[in-house]
Amino acid sequence: MTTAPARTRLTQYAHGGGCACKIPPGELEVVVAGLTAAGPADPAAELVVGLDDGDDAAVVRIAGGQGLVLTTDFFTPVVDDAYTFGRIAATNALSDVYAMGGTPVVAVNLLGWPRDVLPAELAAEVLRGGLEAAQEAGCHVGGGHSIDDPEPKYGMAVTGVVDVDRVITNSAAVAGTPLSLTKPLGIGVLNNRMKATGEVSEEAVAAMTTLNRDAGRAAVAAGIRAGTDVTGFGLLGHLYKMARASGVTAIVDAAAVPYLTGAREALAEGFVSGGTRRNLDWVRPHTDLSAVSEDEALLLADAQTSGGLLLGGEVPGAPVIGEFVPRGEHVVIVR
């Protein structure tokens, strides 16, 4: 039987960590180009939200004005502790359902594990963390799929329900509405520091393991119809997709954006992921960054894992960080 070292650091078994491992957004759009028009000749159900705008999840209409929300997310370890990694990955996967205004109902596990390198006991801890996050969400876990993989990976495929008439999408932002953010930024640089030094940010872990359930419910209750969650493409990347799909310009008040404790210090120490730099390169041609420094721009593009909701409207307790205005020269303006 494989025996792990006394203190196994899961992050050292992966080339990257969390949502920073996403394929770069510009590259991904090239890969999926031309697939949006594809569909069955005789569909069994109406696809309400699909691939067109790169939304957080798919939605199909079912009887009674309801919709099924379907999504999946998985990644390499973002923390060293196996149980906490499982909680974070599951919380992140569940977030896509909340970002659509839905409620998770059932999930299945997705596990890749280097079985000749890391013991099965650690894999069990990952799955236990995921199960407990799902149980907190009131979501069943009905099994899953696992493979022998050179790197540890974990996530979930999640199915939820949503009122189709109240679904939240990234293409529904309207000029004249405020822009709110429900979790602070800085998770990416803090996780990068943790991977390099072993120094854990308990504040970042708490943010990553906090469900977006309450924020999603508050958004639906407030009548908000435009939103997304902030994950691997950073605030600027996800906001660019949202404003582009909606035909508006997003204005960000940089001074109003909240950050986790230590995020600026981690940036100053150089703990910036390649994913964050690719995010900034992608949005730069479409974004007016003239009012902020390069460091500030990098923080706004920081690749988050299990970040908060970015909403076209106001919800209790979430800071307003900007507004949507009619489309101008730039898709995003940072002031």
C-alpha atoms as a PDB file:
ATOM      1  CA  MET A   1       0.000   0.000   0.000  1.00  0.00           C
ATOM      2  CA  THR A   2       1.240   3.504  -0.821  1.00  0.00           C
ATOM      3  CA  THR A   3       2.318   5.437   2.248  1.00  0.00           C
ATOM      4  CA  ALA A   4       2.218   9.209   2.277  1.00  0.00           C
ATOM      5  CA  PRO A   5       4.915  11.309   3.932  1.00  0.00           C
ATOM      6  CA  ALA A   6       4.182  12.492   7.473  1.00  0.00           C
ATOM      7  CA  ARG A   7       2.859  15.786   6.101  1.00  0.00           C
ATOM      8  CA  THR A   8       1.692  15.400   2.538  1.00  0.00           C
ATOM      9  CA  ARG A   9       1.472  18.689   0.656  1.00  0.00           C
ATOM     10  CA  LEU A  10      -1.060  17.992  -2.063  1.00  0.00           C
ATOM     11  CA  THR A  11      -0.194  21.171  -3.965  1.00  0.00           C
ATOM     12  CA  GLN A  12       3.303  19.817  -4.651  1.00  0.00           C
ATOM     13  CA  TYR A  13       1.830  17.009  -6.755  1.00  0.00           C
ATOM     14  CA  ALA A  14       0.263  19.365  -9.308  1.00  0.00           C
ATOM     15  CA  HIS A  15       1.670  21.804 -11.858  1.00  0.00           C
ATOM     16  CA  GLY A  16      -0.767  24.510 -10.782  1.00  0.00           C
ATOM     17  CA  GLY A  17      -3.641  24.988  -8.406  1.00  0.00           C
ATOM     18  CA  GLY A  18      -7.389  25.528  -8.454  1.00  0.00           C
ATOM     19  CA  CYS A  19      -9.082  27.638 -11.079  1.00  0.00           C
ATOM     20  CA  ALA A  20      -5.728  29.166 -12.072  1.00  0.00           C
ATOM     21  CA  CYS A  21      -5.290  25.945 -14.070  1.00  0.00           C
ATOM     22  CA  LYS A  22      -8.124  26.833 -16.423  1.00  0.00           C
ATOM     23  CA  ILE A  23      -7.355  26.949 -20.135  1.00  0.00           C
ATOM     24  CA  PRO A  24      -6.856  30.675 -20.917  1.00  0.00           C
ATOM     25  CA  PRO A  25     -10.165  32.336 -21.862  1.00  0.00           C
ATOM     26  CA  GLY A  26      -9.081  33.524 -25.305  1.00  0.00           C
ATOM     27  CA  GLU A  27      -7.666  30.101 -26.165  1.00  0.00           C
ATOM     28  CA  LEU A  28     -10.817  28.394 -24.884  1.00  0.00           C
ATOM     29  CA  GLU A  29     -13.064  30.570 -27.034  1.00  0.00           C
ATOM     30  CA  VAL A  30     -11.105  29.500 -30.113  1.00  0.00           C
ATOM     31  CA  VAL A  31     -11.512  25.842 -29.131  1.00  0.00           C
ATOM     32  CA  VAL A  32     -15.304  26.053 -28.774  1.00  0.00           C
ATOM     33  CA  ALA A  33     -15.899  28.434 -31.699  1.00  0.00           C
ATOM     34  CA  GLY A  34     -18.467  27.013 -34.074  1.00  0.00           C
ATOM     35  CA  LEU A  35     -20.001  24.668 -31.510  1.00  0.00           C
ATOM     36  CA  THR A  36     -22.758  27.027 -30.381  1.00  0.00           C
ATOM     37  CA  ALA A  37     -24.985  26.315 -33.385  1.00  0.00           C
ATOM     38  CA  ALA A  38     -24.728  22.551 -32.948  1.00  0.00           C
ATOM     39  CA  GLY A  39     -27.764  20.760 -31.534  1.00  0.00           C
ATOM     40  CA  PRO A  40     -30.011  17.742 -32.004  1.00  0.00           C
ATOM     41  CA  ALA A  41     -32.439  17.713 -34.924  1.00  0.00           C
ATOM     42  CA  ASP A  42     -35.237  16.653 -32.588  1.00  0.00           C
ATOM     43  CA  PRO A  43     -34.380  17.912 -29.093  1.00  0.00           C
ATOM     44  CA  ALA A  44     -36.012  16.290 -26.099  1.00  0.00           C
ATOM     45  CA  ALA A  45     -36.105  19.623 -24.239  1.00  0.00           C
ATOM     46  CA  GLU A  46     -35.582  23.330 -24.926  1.00  0.00           C
ATOM     47  CA  LEU A  47     -32.083  24.630 -24.201  1.00  0.00           C
ATOM     48  CA  VAL A  48     -32.642  27.954 -22.422  1.00  0.00           C
ATOM     49  CA  VAL A  49     -28.980  28.763 -21.697  1.00  0.00           C
ATOM     50  CA  GLY A  50     -26.211  27.113 -23.689  1.00  0.00           C
ATOM     51  CA  LEU A  51     -22.717  27.808 -24.928  1.00  0.00           C
ATOM     52  CA  ASP A  52     -23.406  31.069 -26.758  1.00  0.00           C
ATOM     53  CA  ASP A  53     -22.181  33.516 -24.096  1.00  0.00           C
ATOM     54  CA  GLY A  54     -19.965  31.210 -22.034  1.00  0.00           C
ATOM     55  CA  ASP A  55     -22.346  31.293 -19.083  1.00  0.00           C
ATOM     56  CA  ASP A  56     -21.761  29.449 -15.811  1.00  0.00           C
ATOM     57  CA  ALA A  57     -24.091  26.519 -16.491  1.00  0.00           C
ATOM     58  CA  ALA A  58     -26.524  25.091 -19.021  1.00  0.00           C
ATOM     59  CA  VAL A  59     -30.261  25.381 -18.424  1.00  0.00           C
ATOM     60  CA  VAL A  60     -32.976  23.262 -20.070  1.00  0.00           C
ATOM     61  CA  ARG A  61     -36.688  23.862 -19.659  1.00  0.00           C
ATOM     62  CA  ILE A  62     -38.811  21.186 -18.001  1.00  0.00           C
ATOM     63  CA  ALA A  63     -42.483  21.098 -17.037  1.00  0.00           C
ATOM     64  CA  GLY A  64     -44.105  23.653 -14.757  1.00  0.00           C
ATOM     65  CA  GLY A  65     -41.940  26.643 -15.625  1.00  0.00           C
ATOM     66  CA  GLN A  66     -38.894  25.018 -14.091  1.00  0.00           C
ATOM     67  CA  GLY A  67     -35.463  24.490 -15.553  1.00  0.00           C
ATOM     68  CA  LEU A  68     -32.673  22.018 -14.932  1.00  0.00           C
ATOM     69  CA  VAL A  69     -29.280  23.627 -14.303  1.00  0.00           C
ATOM     70  CA  LEU A  70     -26.292  21.489 -15.302  1.00  0.00           C
ATOM     71  CA  THR A  71     -22.648  22.258 -14.663  1.00  0.00           C
ATOM     72  CA  THR A  72     -19.307  20.678 -13.866  1.00  0.00           C
ATOM     73  CA  ASP A  73     -16.042  21.883 -12.393  1.00  0.00           C
ATOM     74  CA  PHE A  74     -12.850  20.180 -11.232  1.00  0.00           C
ATOM     75  CA  PHE A  75      -9.234  21.163 -10.645  1.00  0.00           C
ATOM     76  CA  THR A  76      -5.897  20.321  -9.055  1.00  0.00           C
ATOM     77  CA  PRO A  77      -5.256  20.982  -5.327  1.00  0.00           C
ATOM     78  CA  VAL A  78      -5.349  24.590  -4.224  1.00  0.00           C
ATOM     79  CA  VAL A  79      -4.480  23.751  -0.601  1.00  0.00           C
ATOM     80  CA  ASP A  80      -2.406  20.981   0.971  1.00  0.00           C
ATOM     81  CA  ASP A  81      -5.032  19.479   3.269  1.00  0.00           C
ATOM     82  CA  ALA A  82      -7.056  16.787   1.460  1.00  0.00           C
ATOM     83  CA  TYR A  83     -10.347  17.348   3.298  1.00  0.00           C
ATOM     84  CA  THR A  84     -10.187  21.113   2.771  1.00  0.00           C
ATOM     85  CA  PHE A  85      -9.339  20.619  -0.901  1.00  0.00           C
ATOM     86  CA  GLY A  86     -12.501  18.528  -1.250  1.00  0.00           C
ATOM     87  CA  ARG A  87     -14.638  21.173   0.433  1.00  0.00           C
ATOM     88  CA  ILE A  88     -13.239  23.941  -1.754  1.00  0.00           C
ATOM     89  CA  ALA A  89     -13.636  22.021  -5.010  1.00  0.00           C
ATOM     90  CA  ALA A  90     -17.224  21.053  -4.213  1.00  0.00           C
ATOM     91  CA  THR A  91     -18.123  24.567  -3.061  1.00  0.00           C
ATOM     92  CA  ASN A  92     -16.703  25.896  -6.320  1.00  0.00           C
ATOM     93  CA  ALA A  93     -18.700  23.418  -8.435  1.00  0.00           C
ATOM     94  CA  LEU A  94     -21.937  24.190  -6.578  1.00  0.00           C
ATOM     95  CA  SER A  95     -21.341  27.906  -7.142  1.00  0.00           C
ATOM     96  CA  ASP A  96     -22.246  27.713 -10.823  1.00  0.00           C
ATOM     97  CA  VAL A  97     -25.800  26.686  -9.925  1.00  0.00           C
ATOM     98  CA  TYR A  98     -26.118  29.565  -7.454  1.00  0.00           C
ATOM     99  CA  ALA A  99     -24.729  31.947 -10.084  1.00  0.00           C
ATOM    100  CA  MET A 100     -27.692  31.029 -12.318  1.00  0.00           C
ATOM    101  CA  GLY A 101     -30.176  31.714  -9.505  1.00  0.00           C
ATOM    102  CA  GLY A 102     -30.742  27.991  -8.964  1.00  0.00           C
ATOM    103  CA  THR A 103     -30.690  25.409  -6.189  1.00  0.00           C
ATOM    104  CA  PRO A 104     -28.340  22.369  -6.351  1.00  0.00           C
ATOM    105  CA  VAL A 105     -30.197  19.056  -6.106  1.00  0.00           C
ATOM    106  CA  VAL A 106     -27.752  16.241  -6.862  1.00  0.00           C
ATOM    107  CA  ALA A 107     -24.037  15.981  -7.660  1.00  0.00           C
ATOM    108  CA  VAL A 108     -21.648  13.257  -8.740  1.00  0.00           C
ATOM    109  CA  ASN A 109     -17.951  13.183  -7.931  1.00  0.00           C
ATOM    110  CA  LEU A 110     -15.141  13.541 -10.473  1.00  0.00           C
ATOM    111  CA  LEU A 111     -11.835  12.231  -9.116  1.00  0.00           C
ATOM    112  CA  GLY A 112      -8.414  11.799 -10.686  1.00  0.00           C
ATOM    113  CA  TRP A 113      -5.860  10.222  -8.343  1.00  0.00           C
ATOM    114  CA  PRO A 114      -2.193   9.152  -8.651  1.00  0.00           C
ATOM    115  CA  ARG A 115      -2.859   5.863  -6.865  1.00  0.00           C
ATOM    116  CA  ASP A 116       0.772   4.709  -6.969  1.00  0.00           C
ATOM    117  CA  VAL A 117       1.970   7.975  -5.399  1.00  0.00           C
ATOM    118  CA  LEU A 118      -0.692   9.084  -2.923  1.00  0.00           C
ATOM    119  CA  PRO A 119      -2.595   6.763  -0.561  1.00  0.00           C
ATOM    120  CA  ALA A 120      -6.274   5.973  -0.957  1.00  0.00           C
ATOM    121  CA  GLU A 121      -6.887   7.359   2.530  1.00  0.00           C
ATOM    122  CA  LEU A 122      -6.140  10.854   1.255  1.00  0.00           C
ATOM    123  CA  ALA A 123      -8.538  10.385  -1.667  1.00  0.00           C
ATOM    124  CA  ALA A 124     -11.199   9.371   0.839  1.00  0.00           C
ATOM    125  CA  GLU A 125     -10.570  12.621   2.742  1.00  0.00           C
ATOM    126  CA  VAL A 126     -11.011  14.630  -0.449  1.00  0.00           C
ATOM    127  CA  LEU A 127     -14.338  12.895  -1.090  1.00  0.00           C
ATOM    128  CA  ARG A 128     -15.415  13.423   2.522  1.00  0.00           C
ATOM    129  CA  GLY A 129     -14.773  17.147   2.198  1.00  0.00           C
ATOM    130  CA  GLY A 130     -16.808  17.291  -0.994  1.00  0.00           C
ATOM    131  CA  LEU A 131     -19.646  15.328   0.556  1.00  0.00           C
ATOM    132  CA  GLU A 132     -19.853  17.631   3.569  1.00  0.00           C
ATOM    133  CA  ALA A 133     -19.908  20.747   1.373  1.00  0.00           C
ATOM    134  CA  ALA A 134     -22.727  19.250  -0.687  1.00  0.00           C
ATOM    135  CA  GLN A 135     -24.633  18.257   2.435  1.00  0.00           C
ATOM    136  CA  GLU A 136     -24.353  21.826   3.722  1.00  0.00           C
ATOM    137  CA  ALA A 137     -25.933  22.901   0.431  1.00  0.00           C
ATOM    138  CA  GLY A 138     -28.764  20.391   0.814  1.00  0.00           C
ATOM    139  CA  CYS A 139     -27.480  18.590  -2.273  1.00  0.00           C
ATOM    140  CA  HIS A 140     -27.312  14.808  -2.663  1.00  0.00           C
ATOM    141  CA  VAL A 141     -24.096  13.141  -3.811  1.00  0.00           C
ATOM    142  CA  GLY A 142     -25.076  10.148  -5.914  1.00  0.00           C
ATOM    143  CA  GLY A 143     -21.759   8.521  -6.774  1.00  0.00           C
ATOM    144  CA  GLY A 144     -19.345   9.600  -9.477  1.00  0.00           C
ATOM    145  CA  HIS A 145     -16.349   8.524 -11.517  1.00  0.00           C
ATOM    146  CA  SER A 146     -12.648   8.107 -10.784  1.00  0.00           C
ATOM    147  CA  ILE A 147      -9.503   7.486 -12.836  1.00  0.00           C
ATOM    148  CA  ASP A 148      -5.835   6.840 -12.184  1.00  0.00           C
ATOM    149  CA  ASP A 149      -4.233  10.201 -12.984  1.00  0.00           C
ATOM    150  CA  PRO A 150      -0.642  11.548 -12.731  1.00  0.00           C
ATOM    151  CA  GLU A 151      -2.005  14.577 -10.828  1.00  0.00           C
ATOM    152  CA  PRO A 152      -4.676  14.683  -8.118  1.00  0.00           C
ATOM    153  CA  LYS A 153      -7.862  16.318  -9.388  1.00  0.00           C
ATOM    154  CA  TYR A 154     -11.302  16.624  -7.874  1.00  0.00           C
ATOM    155  CA  GLY A 155     -14.615  18.283  -8.571  1.00  0.00           C
ATOM    156  CA  MET A 156     -18.271  17.600  -9.221  1.00  0.00           C
ATOM    157  CA  ALA A 157     -20.896  17.537 -11.904  1.00  0.00           C
ATOM    158  CA  VAL A 158     -23.934  19.240 -10.380  1.00  0.00           C
ATOM    159  CA  THR A 159     -27.602  19.325 -11.372  1.00  0.00           C
ATOM    160  CA  GLY A 160     -29.956  21.901  -9.909  1.00  0.00           C
ATOM    161  CA  VAL A 161     -33.347  23.466 -10.477  1.00  0.00           C
ATOM    162  CA  VAL A 162     -34.270  27.050 -11.296  1.00  0.00           C
ATOM    163  CA  ASP A 163     -37.354  29.110 -12.073  1.00  0.00           C
ATOM    164  CA  VAL A 164     -36.810  29.733 -15.801  1.00  0.00           C
ATOM    165  CA  ASP A 165     -38.473  33.145 -15.567  1.00  0.00           C
ATOM    166  CA  ARG A 166     -36.022  34.196 -12.838  1.00  0.00           C
ATOM    167  CA  VAL A 167     -32.814  32.665 -14.180  1.00  0.00           C
ATOM    168  CA  ILE A 168     -29.664  34.785 -13.823  1.00  0.00           C
ATOM    169  CA  THR A 169     -27.408  34.982 -16.885  1.00  0.00           C
ATOM    170  CA  ASN A 170     -24.244  36.822 -17.870  1.00  0.00           C
ATOM    171  CA  SER A 171     -26.011  38.411 -20.863  1.00  0.00           C
ATOM    172  CA  ALA A 172     -28.745  40.316 -19.009  1.00  0.00           C
ATOM    173  CA  ALA A 173     -26.824  43.321 -17.630  1.00  0.00           C
ATOM    174  CA  VAL A 174     -28.615  46.624 -18.222  1.00  0.00           C
ATOM    175  CA  ALA A 175     -27.104  50.096 -18.383  1.00  0.00           C
ATOM    176  CA  GLY A 176     -27.902  52.144 -15.308  1.00  0.00           C
ATOM    177  CA  THR A 177     -27.650  49.286 -12.791  1.00  0.00           C
ATOM    178  CA  PRO A 178     -25.008  48.964 -10.063  1.00  0.00           C
ATOM    179  CA  LEU A 179     -22.363  46.240  -9.976  1.00  0.00           C
ATOM    180  CA  SER A 180     -21.919  44.263  -6.748  1.00  0.00           C
ATOM    181  CA  LEU A 181     -19.356  41.685  -5.595  1.00  0.00           C
ATOM    182  CA  THR A 182     -20.167  39.222  -2.795  1.00  0.00           C
ATOM    183  CA  LYS A 183     -16.662  37.969  -1.849  1.00  0.00           C
ATOM    184  CA  PRO A 184     -13.355  39.831  -1.649  1.00  0.00           C
ATOM    185  CA  LEU A 185     -10.598  39.226  -4.207  1.00  0.00           C
ATOM    186  CA  GLY A 186      -7.051  38.035  -3.560  1.00  0.00           C
ATOM    187  CA  ILE A 187      -7.599  34.288  -3.317  1.00  0.00           C
ATOM    188  CA  GLY A 188      -5.255  33.616  -6.243  1.00  0.00           C
ATOM    189  CA  VAL A 189      -2.158  35.400  -4.963  1.00  0.00           C
ATOM    190  CA  LEU A 190      -2.684  34.055  -1.442  1.00  0.00           C
ATOM    191  CA  ASN A 191      -3.003  30.498  -2.724  1.00  0.00           C
ATOM    192  CA  ASN A 192       0.103  30.957  -4.852  1.00  0.00           C
ATOM    193  CA  ARG A 193       2.010  32.078  -1.775  1.00  0.00           C
ATOM    194  CA  MET A 194       0.693  29.091   0.158  1.00  0.00           C
ATOM    195  CA  LYS A 195       1.793  26.691  -2.597  1.00  0.00           C
ATOM    196  CA  ALA A 196       5.306  28.182  -2.590  1.00  0.00           C
ATOM    197  CA  THR A 197       5.817  28.640   1.159  1.00  0.00           C
ATOM    198  CA  GLY A 198       3.257  26.487   2.963  1.00  0.00           C
ATOM    199  CA  GLU A 199       1.844  29.625   4.647  1.00  0.00           C
ATOM    200  CA  VAL A 200      -1.939  29.159   4.822  1.00  0.00           C
ATOM    201  CA  SER A 201      -4.340  32.097   4.673  1.00  0.00           C
ATOM    202  CA  GLU A 202      -7.232  31.020   6.875  1.00  0.00           C
ATOM    203  CA  GLU A 203      -9.210  33.974   5.519  1.00  0.00           C
ATOM    204  CA  ALA A 204      -8.769  32.707   1.957  1.00  0.00           C
ATOM    205  CA  VAL A 205      -9.763  29.166   2.990  1.00  0.00           C
ATOM    206  CA  ALA A 206     -12.868  30.533   4.726  1.00  0.00           C
ATOM    207  CA  ALA A 207     -13.825  32.458   1.588  1.00  0.00           C
ATOM    208  CA  MET A 208     -13.310  29.445  -0.681  1.00  0.00           C
ATOM    209  CA  THR A 209     -15.391  27.164   1.555  1.00  0.00           C
ATOM    210  CA  THR A 210     -18.293  29.597   1.914  1.00  0.00           C
ATOM    211  CA  LEU A 211     -21.221  28.616  -0.283  1.00  0.00           C
ATOM    212  CA  ASN A 212     -22.665  31.244  -2.616  1.00  0.00           C
ATOM    213  CA  ARG A 213     -26.117  29.983  -1.572  1.00  0.00           C
ATOM    214  CA  ASP A 214     -27.132  33.027   0.475  1.00  0.00           C
ATOM    215  CA  ALA A 215     -25.816  35.438  -2.153  1.00  0.00           C
ATOM    216  CA  GLY A 216     -27.691  33.575  -4.900  1.00  0.00           C
ATOM    217  CA  ARG A 217     -30.929  33.593  -2.935  1.00  0.00           C
ATOM    218  CA  ALA A 218     -30.536  37.284  -2.146  1.00  0.00           C
ATOM    219  CA  ALA A 219     -29.964  38.045  -5.830  1.00  0.00           C
ATOM    220  CA  VAL A 220     -33.116  36.194  -6.871  1.00  0.00           C
ATOM    221  CA  ALA A 221     -35.123  37.893  -4.109  1.00  0.00           C
ATOM    222  CA  ALA A 222     -33.858  41.293  -5.288  1.00  0.00           C
ATOM    223  CA  GLY A 223     -35.044  40.573  -8.834  1.00  0.00           C
ATOM    224  CA  ILE A 224     -31.505  40.505 -10.226  1.00  0.00           C
ATOM    225  CA  ARG A 225     -31.240  38.839 -13.628  1.00  0.00           C
ATOM    226  CA  ALA A 226     -27.606  39.529 -14.521  1.00  0.00           C
ATOM    227  CA  GLY A 227     -24.703  37.815 -12.826  1.00  0.00           C
ATOM    228  CA  THR A 228     -21.827  35.372 -12.867  1.00  0.00           C
ATOM    229  CA  ASP A 229     -19.316  34.019 -10.375  1.00  0.00           C
ATOM    230  CA  VAL A 230     -15.701  35.118 -10.202  1.00  0.00           C
ATOM    231  CA  THR A 231     -13.344  32.199 -10.669  1.00  0.00           C
ATOM    232  CA  GLY A 232     -10.351  31.429 -12.890  1.00  0.00           C
ATOM    233  CA  PHE A 233     -10.699  34.315 -15.342  1.00  0.00           C
ATOM    234  CA  GLY A 234     -10.540  36.889 -12.531  1.00  0.00           C
ATOM    235  CA  LEU A 235     -12.920  39.769 -11.910  1.00  0.00           C
ATOM    236  CA  LEU A 236     -11.864  41.552 -15.085  1.00  0.00           C
ATOM    237  CA  GLY A 237     -12.202  38.444 -17.245  1.00  0.00           C
ATOM    238  CA  HIS A 238     -15.644  37.464 -15.990  1.00  0.00           C
ATOM    239  CA  LEU A 239     -16.829  41.071 -16.073  1.00  0.00           C
ATOM    240  CA  TYR A 240     -15.587  41.465 -19.638  1.00  0.00           C
ATOM    241  CA  LYS A 241     -17.560  38.377 -20.688  1.00  0.00           C
ATOM    242  CA  MET A 242     -20.644  39.708 -18.912  1.00  0.00           C
ATOM    243  CA  ALA A 243     -20.500  43.225 -20.366  1.00  0.00           C
ATOM    244  CA  ARG A 244     -19.650  41.930 -23.855  1.00  0.00           C
ATOM    245  CA  ALA A 245     -22.563  39.482 -23.841  1.00  0.00           C
ATOM    246  CA  SER A 246     -24.934  42.186 -22.575  1.00  0.00           C
ATOM    247  CA  GLY A 247     -23.886  44.908 -25.019  1.00  0.00           C
ATOM    248  CA  VAL A 248     -22.955  47.365 -22.251  1.00  0.00           C
ATOM    249  CA  THR A 249     -19.820  48.851 -20.694  1.00  0.00           C
ATOM    250  CA  ALA A 250     -18.864  47.974 -17.134  1.00  0.00           C
ATOM    251  CA  ILE A 251     -17.223  50.643 -14.970  1.00  0.00           C
ATOM    252  CA  VAL A 252     -15.217  49.428 -11.960  1.00  0.00           C
ATOM    253  CA  ASP A 253     -14.353  51.709  -9.051  1.00  0.00           C
ATOM    254  CA  ALA A 254     -11.013  50.174  -8.080  1.00  0.00           C
ATOM    255  CA  ALA A 255     -11.048  51.765  -4.621  1.00  0.00           C
ATOM    256  CA  ALA A 256     -14.359  50.056  -3.818  1.00  0.00           C
ATOM    257  CA  VAL A 257     -13.179  46.511  -4.602  1.00  0.00           C
ATOM    258  CA  PRO A 258     -12.625  44.502  -1.382  1.00  0.00           C
ATOM    259  CA  TYR A 259      -9.520  42.339  -0.882  1.00  0.00           C
ATOM    260  CA  LEU A 260      -8.546  39.613   1.551  1.00  0.00           C
ATOM    261  CA  THR A 261      -5.946  40.454   4.184  1.00  0.00           C
ATOM    262  CA  GLY A 262      -2.435  39.948   2.815  1.00  0.00           C
ATOM    263  CA  ALA A 263      -3.413  39.974  -0.856  1.00  0.00           C
ATOM    264  CA  ARG A 264      -1.456  43.123  -1.696  1.00  0.00           C
ATOM    265  CA  GLU A 265       1.574  41.857   0.192  1.00  0.00           C
ATOM    266  CA  ALA A 266       1.445  38.537  -1.656  1.00  0.00           C
ATOM    267  CA  LEU A 267       1.296  40.432  -4.951  1.00  0.00           C
ATOM    268  CA  ALA A 268       4.270  42.601  -3.941  1.00  0.00           C
ATOM    269  CA  GLU A 269       6.212  39.434  -3.107  1.00  0.00           C
ATOM    270  CA  GLY A 270       5.633  38.177  -6.647  1.00  0.00           C
ATOM    271  CA  PHE A 271       3.098  35.403  -6.059  1.00  0.00           C
ATOM    272  CA  VAL A 272       1.204  35.995  -9.302  1.00  0.00           C
ATOM    273  CA  SER A 273       0.069  32.982 -11.316  1.00  0.00           C
ATOM    274  CA  GLY A 274       0.507  32.608 -15.058  1.00  0.00           C
ATOM    275  CA  GLY A 275      -3.267  32.343 -15.275  1.00  0.00           C
ATOM    276  CA  THR A 276      -3.657  35.803 -13.772  1.00  0.00           C
ATOM    277  CA  ARG A 277      -1.213  37.314 -16.268  1.00  0.00           C
ATOM    278  CA  ARG A 278      -3.041  35.591 -19.143  1.00  0.00           C
ATOM    279  CA  ASN A 279      -6.335  36.976 -17.855  1.00  0.00           C
ATOM    280  CA  LEU A 280      -4.967  40.500 -17.941  1.00  0.00           C
ATOM    281  CA  ASP A 281      -3.478  40.040 -21.409  1.00  0.00           C
ATOM    282  CA  TRP A 282      -6.876  38.846 -22.663  1.00  0.00           C
ATOM    283  CA  VAL A 283      -8.915  41.785 -21.369  1.00  0.00           C
ATOM    284  CA  ARG A 284      -6.335  44.521 -21.886  1.00  0.00           C
ATOM    285  CA  PRO A 285      -7.300  45.357 -25.519  1.00  0.00           C
ATOM    286  CA  HIS A 286     -10.921  45.866 -24.439  1.00  0.00           C
ATOM    287  CA  THR A 287     -10.331  47.595 -21.096  1.00  0.00           C
ATOM    288  CA  ASP A 288      -9.358  51.129 -20.105  1.00  0.00           C
ATOM    289  CA  LEU A 289      -6.766  50.605 -17.362  1.00  0.00           C
ATOM    290  CA  SER A 290      -5.181  54.046 -17.631  1.00  0.00           C
ATOM    291  CA  ALA A 291      -6.325  55.112 -14.154  1.00  0.00           C
ATOM    292  CA  VAL A 292      -4.676  52.244 -12.255  1.00  0.00           C
ATOM    293  CA  SER A 293      -1.214  50.753 -11.845  1.00  0.00           C
ATOM    294  CA  GLU A 294      -0.130  47.447 -13.346  1.00  0.00           C
ATOM    295  CA  ASP A 295      -0.199  45.889  -9.863  1.00  0.00           C
ATOM    296  CA  GLU A 296      -3.790  47.025  -9.336  1.00  0.00           C
ATOM    297  CA  ALA A 297      -4.732  45.615 -12.725  1.00  0.00           C
ATOM    298  CA  LEU A 298      -3.133  42.281 -11.812  1.00  0.00           C
ATOM    299  CA  LEU A 299      -5.160  42.102  -8.602  1.00  0.00           C
ATOM    300  CA  LEU A 300      -8.346  42.785 -10.543  1.00  0.00           C
ATOM    301  CA  ALA A 301      -7.392  39.969 -12.938  1.00  0.00           C
ATOM    302  CA  ASP A 302      -6.311  37.615 -10.131  1.00  0.00           C
ATOM    303  CA  ALA A 303      -7.444  34.051 -10.876  1.00  0.00           C
ATOM    304  CA  GLN A 304      -9.897  33.219  -8.098  1.00  0.00           C
ATOM    305  CA  THR A 305     -10.959  29.800  -6.873  1.00  0.00           C
ATOM    306  CA  SER A 306     -14.498  29.541  -5.464  1.00  0.00           C
ATOM    307  CA  GLY A 307     -14.922  33.323  -5.586  1.00  0.00           C
ATOM    308  CA  GLY A 308     -18.066  35.350  -5.048  1.00  0.00           C
ATOM    309  CA  LEU A 309     -20.941  36.397  -7.264  1.00  0.00           C
ATOM    310  CA  LEU A 310     -20.649  39.428  -9.540  1.00  0.00           C
ATOM    311  CA  LEU A 311     -24.143  40.861  -9.858  1.00  0.00           C
ATOM    312  CA  GLY A 312     -25.973  43.488 -11.871  1.00  0.00           C
ATOM    313  CA  GLY A 313     -27.819  44.906  -8.869  1.00  0.00           C
ATOM    314  CA  GLU A 314     -27.540  45.352  -5.116  1.00  0.00           C
ATOM    315  CA  VAL A 315     -27.814  42.696  -2.409  1.00  0.00           C
ATOM    316  CA  PRO A 316     -27.512  43.175   1.359  1.00  0.00           C
ATOM    317  CA  GLY A 317     -23.961  43.069   2.672  1.00  0.00           C
ATOM    318  CA  ALA A 318     -22.234  43.145  -0.716  1.00  0.00           C
ATOM    319  CA  PRO A 319     -20.241  46.238  -1.696  1.00  0.00           C
ATOM    320  CA  VAL A 320     -21.144  48.091  -4.880  1.00  0.00           C
ATOM    321  CA  ILE A 321     -17.945  48.224  -6.928  1.00  0.00           C
ATOM    322  CA  GLY A 322     -19.166  49.992 -10.057  1.00  0.00           C
ATOM    323  CA  GLU A 323     -21.981  50.207 -12.554  1.00  0.00           C
ATOM    324  CA  PHE A 324     -23.095  49.294 -16.049  1.00  0.00           C
ATOM    325  CA  VAL A 325     -23.442  52.105 -18.586  1.00  0.00           C
ATOM    326  CA  PRO A 326     -24.290  52.223 -22.310  1.00  0.00           C
ATOM    327  CA  ARG A 327     -21.613  50.613 -24.495  1.00  0.00           C
ATOM    328  CA  GLY A 328     -18.758  52.971 -25.247  1.00  0.00           C
ATOM    329  CA  GLU A 329     -15.289  52.674 -26.710  1.00  0.00           C
ATOM    330  CA  HIS A 330     -14.226  50.122 -24.091  1.00  0.00           C
ATOM    331  CA  VAL A 331     -16.125  47.118 -22.768  1.00  0.00           C
ATOM    332  CA  VAL A 332     -14.644  47.617 -19.274  1.00  0.00           C
ATOM    333  CA  ILE A 333     -13.342  50.815 -17.671  1.00  0.00           C
ATOM    334  CA  VAL A 334     -11.401  50.837 -14.397  1.00  0.00           C
ATOM    335  CA  ARG A 335     -11.323  54.210 -12.708  1.00  0.00           C
END
